[in-house]
Amino acid sequence: MDITQLVSDVGFPIVITFFLLHRMERKLDQVVMALQNLSN
């Protein structure tokens, strides 16, 4: 198996996964802050 083929097959899903996790993390931080504001 060619190394460039392996990187293109495996690397792309990894990049997409990290991108989506980063976006979700920011949204979860916003939800946590909103819940903290409600409890005060």
PDB file of N, CA and C in Angstrom:
ATOM      1  N   MET A   1       0.854  -1.191   0.000  1.00  0.00           N
ATOM      2  CA  MET A   1       0.000   0.000   0.000  1.00  0.00           C
ATOM      3  C   MET A   1       0.891   1.243   0.000  1.00  0.00           C
ATOM      4  N   ASP A   2       0.561   2.183  -0.819  1.00  0.00           N
ATOM      5  CA  ASP A   2       1.312   3.428  -0.933  1.00  0.00           C
ATOM      6  C   ASP A   2       1.021   4.320   0.270  1.00  0.00           C
ATOM      7  N   ILE A   3       2.037   4.978   0.793  1.00  0.00           N
ATOM      8  CA  ILE A   3       1.883   5.818   1.991  1.00  0.00           C
ATOM      9  C   ILE A   3       0.973   7.012   1.724  1.00  0.00           C
ATOM     10  N   THR A   4       1.039   7.583   0.522  1.00  0.00           N
ATOM     11  CA  THR A   4       0.163   8.722   0.219  1.00  0.00           C
ATOM     12  C   THR A   4      -1.297   8.298   0.152  1.00  0.00           C
ATOM     13  N   GLN A   5      -1.542   7.097  -0.343  1.00  0.00           N
ATOM     14  CA  GLN A   5      -2.915   6.574  -0.376  1.00  0.00           C
ATOM     15  C   GLN A   5      -3.423   6.347   1.046  1.00  0.00           C
ATOM     16  N   LEU A   6      -2.551   5.827   1.911  1.00  0.00           N
ATOM     17  CA  LEU A   6      -2.932   5.595   3.310  1.00  0.00           C
ATOM     18  C   LEU A   6      -3.262   6.909   4.006  1.00  0.00           C
ATOM     19  N   VAL A   7      -2.445   7.931   3.793  1.00  0.00           N
ATOM     20  CA  VAL A   7      -2.692   9.234   4.412  1.00  0.00           C
ATOM     21  C   VAL A   7      -3.991   9.831   3.894  1.00  0.00           C
ATOM     22  N   SER A   8      -4.242   9.712   2.622  1.00  0.00           N
ATOM     23  CA  SER A   8      -5.475  10.290   2.082  1.00  0.00           C
ATOM     24  C   SER A   8      -6.703   9.520   2.547  1.00  0.00           C
ATOM     25  N   ASP A   9      -6.577   8.219   2.731  1.00  0.00           N
ATOM     26  CA  ASP A   9      -7.715   7.417   3.198  1.00  0.00           C
ATOM     27  C   ASP A   9      -7.977   7.612   4.683  1.00  0.00           C
ATOM     28  N   VAL A  10      -6.933   7.701   5.479  1.00  0.00           N
ATOM     29  CA  VAL A  10      -7.080   7.789   6.935  1.00  0.00           C
ATOM     30  C   VAL A  10      -7.047   9.231   7.417  1.00  0.00           C
ATOM     31  N   GLY A  11      -6.239  10.063   6.819  1.00  0.00           N
ATOM     32  CA  GLY A  11      -6.059  11.436   7.285  1.00  0.00           C
ATOM     33  C   GLY A  11      -7.286  12.304   7.137  1.00  0.00           C
ATOM     34  N   PHE A  12      -7.999  12.155   6.050  1.00  0.00           N
ATOM     35  CA  PHE A  12      -9.177  12.998   5.816  1.00  0.00           C
ATOM     36  C   PHE A  12     -10.255  12.784   6.877  1.00  0.00           C
ATOM     37  N   PRO A  13     -10.647  11.536   7.181  1.00  0.00           N
ATOM     38  CA  PRO A  13     -11.647  11.352   8.252  1.00  0.00           C
ATOM     39  C   PRO A  13     -11.163  11.854   9.609  1.00  0.00           C
ATOM     40  N   ILE A  14      -9.873  11.737   9.881  1.00  0.00           N
ATOM     41  CA  ILE A  14      -9.341  12.222  11.155  1.00  0.00           C
ATOM     42  C   ILE A  14      -9.464  13.737  11.231  1.00  0.00           C
ATOM     43  N   VAL A  15      -9.135  14.430  10.153  1.00  0.00           N
ATOM     44  CA  VAL A  15      -9.241  15.892  10.128  1.00  0.00           C
ATOM     45  C   VAL A  15     -10.687  16.319  10.309  1.00  0.00           C
ATOM     46  N   ILE A  16     -11.606  15.670   9.623  1.00  0.00           N
ATOM     47  CA  ILE A  16     -13.028  16.003   9.752  1.00  0.00           C
ATOM     48  C   ILE A  16     -13.505  15.751  11.177  1.00  0.00           C
ATOM     49  N   THR A  17     -13.080  14.642  11.774  1.00  0.00           N
ATOM     50  CA  THR A  17     -13.481  14.316  13.147  1.00  0.00           C
ATOM     51  C   THR A  17     -12.990  15.371  14.119  1.00  0.00           C
ATOM     52  N   PHE A  18     -11.728  15.772  14.024  1.00  0.00           N
ATOM     53  CA  PHE A  18     -11.210  16.795  14.931  1.00  0.00           C
ATOM     54  C   PHE A  18     -11.915  18.132  14.725  1.00  0.00           C
ATOM     55  N   PHE A  19     -12.224  18.467  13.493  1.00  0.00           N
ATOM     56  CA  PHE A  19     -12.935  19.713  13.210  1.00  0.00           C
ATOM     57  C   PHE A  19     -14.311  19.708  13.869  1.00  0.00           C
ATOM     58  N   LEU A  20     -15.048  18.611  13.707  1.00  0.00           N
ATOM     59  CA  LEU A  20     -16.383  18.526  14.295  1.00  0.00           C
ATOM     60  C   LEU A  20     -16.326  18.508  15.816  1.00  0.00           C
ATOM     61  N   LEU A  21     -15.346  17.812  16.387  1.00  0.00           N
ATOM     62  CA  LEU A  21     -15.206  17.793  17.847  1.00  0.00           C
ATOM     63  C   LEU A  21     -14.891  19.183  18.382  1.00  0.00           C
ATOM     64  N   HIS A  22     -14.067  19.932  17.672  1.00  0.00           N
ATOM     65  CA  HIS A  22     -13.729  21.293  18.096  1.00  0.00           C
ATOM     66  C   HIS A  22     -14.967  22.181  18.070  1.00  0.00           C
ATOM     67  N   ARG A  23     -15.772  22.060  17.029  1.00  0.00           N
ATOM     68  CA  ARG A  23     -17.005  22.858  16.945  1.00  0.00           C
ATOM     69  C   ARG A  23     -17.958  22.486  18.069  1.00  0.00           C
ATOM     70  N   MET A  24     -18.088  21.190  18.331  1.00  0.00           N
ATOM     71  CA  MET A  24     -18.990  20.747  19.397  1.00  0.00           C
ATOM     72  C   MET A  24     -18.513  21.224  20.761  1.00  0.00           C
ATOM     73  N   GLU A  25     -17.205  21.234  20.967  1.00  0.00           N
ATOM     74  CA  GLU A  25     -16.657  21.671  22.251  1.00  0.00           C
ATOM     75  C   GLU A  25     -17.028  23.125  22.520  1.00  0.00           C
ATOM     76  N   ARG A  26     -16.925  23.969  21.508  1.00  0.00           N
ATOM     77  CA  ARG A  26     -17.296  25.381  21.693  1.00  0.00           C
ATOM     78  C   ARG A  26     -18.769  25.515  22.025  1.00  0.00           C
ATOM     79  N   LYS A  27     -19.606  24.746  21.352  1.00  0.00           N
ATOM     80  CA  LYS A  27     -21.046  24.823  21.614  1.00  0.00           C
ATOM     81  C   LYS A  27     -21.367  24.295  23.009  1.00  0.00           C
ATOM     82  N   LEU A  28     -20.691  23.251  23.445  1.00  0.00           N
ATOM     83  CA  LEU A  28     -20.912  22.723  24.788  1.00  0.00           C
ATOM     84  C   LEU A  28     -20.479  23.736  25.845  1.00  0.00           C
ATOM     85  N   ASP A  29     -19.398  24.453  25.590  1.00  0.00           N
ATOM     86  CA  ASP A  29     -18.976  25.503  26.520  1.00  0.00           C
ATOM     87  C   ASP A  29     -20.047  26.575  26.639  1.00  0.00           C
ATOM     88  N   GLN A  30     -20.670  26.919  25.533  1.00  0.00           N
ATOM     89  CA  GLN A  30     -21.744  27.915  25.562  1.00  0.00           C
ATOM     90  C   GLN A  30     -22.943  27.399  26.344  1.00  0.00           C
ATOM     91  N   VAL A  31     -23.271  26.128  26.206  1.00  0.00           N
ATOM     92  CA  VAL A  31     -24.393  25.542  26.946  1.00  0.00           C
ATOM     93  C   VAL A  31     -24.093  25.544  28.438  1.00  0.00           C
ATOM     94  N   VAL A  32     -22.879  25.192  28.810  1.00  0.00           N
ATOM     95  CA  VAL A  32     -22.494  25.179  30.224  1.00  0.00           C
ATOM     96  C   VAL A  32     -22.593  26.581  30.810  1.00  0.00           C
ATOM     97  N   MET A  33     -22.118  27.583  30.077  1.00  0.00           N
ATOM     98  CA  MET A  33     -22.201  28.957  30.578  1.00  0.00           C
ATOM     99  C   MET A  33     -23.649  29.399  30.714  1.00  0.00           C
ATOM    100  N   ALA A  34     -24.501  29.021  29.779  1.00  0.00           N
ATOM    101  CA  ALA A  34     -25.918  29.382  29.857  1.00  0.00           C
ATOM    102  C   ALA A  34     -26.573  28.728  31.067  1.00  0.00           C
ATOM    103  N   LEU A  35     -26.238  27.481  31.334  1.00  0.00           N
ATOM    104  CA  LEU A  35     -26.802  26.798  32.503  1.00  0.00           C
ATOM    105  C   LEU A  35     -26.307  27.424  33.802  1.00  0.00           C
ATOM    106  N   GLN A  36     -25.060  27.839  33.826  1.00  0.00           N
ATOM    107  CA  GLN A  36     -24.533  28.499  35.019  1.00  0.00           C
ATOM    108  C   GLN A  36     -25.230  29.834  35.238  1.00  0.00           C
ATOM    109  N   ASN A  37     -25.518  30.552  34.174  1.00  0.00           N
ATOM    110  CA  ASN A  37     -26.229  31.823  34.302  1.00  0.00           C
ATOM    111  C   ASN A  37     -27.647  31.610  34.811  1.00  0.00           C
ATOM    112  N   LEU A  38     -28.280  30.528  34.427  1.00  0.00           N
ATOM    113  CA  LEU A  38     -29.630  30.236  34.895  1.00  0.00           C
ATOM    114  C   LEU A  38     -29.650  29.918  36.386  1.00  0.00           C
ATOM    115  N   SER A  39     -28.598  29.268  36.866  1.00  0.00           N
ATOM    116  CA  SER A  39     -28.580  28.870  38.275  1.00  0.00           C
ATOM    117  C   SER A  39     -28.243  30.038  39.199  1.00  0.00           C
ATOM    118  N   ASN A  40     -27.730  31.129  38.656  1.00  0.00           N
ATOM    119  CA  ASN A  40     -27.382  32.292  39.503  1.00  0.00           C
ATOM    120  C   ASN A  40     -28.546  33.209  39.703  1.00  0.00           C
TER     121      ASN A  40
END
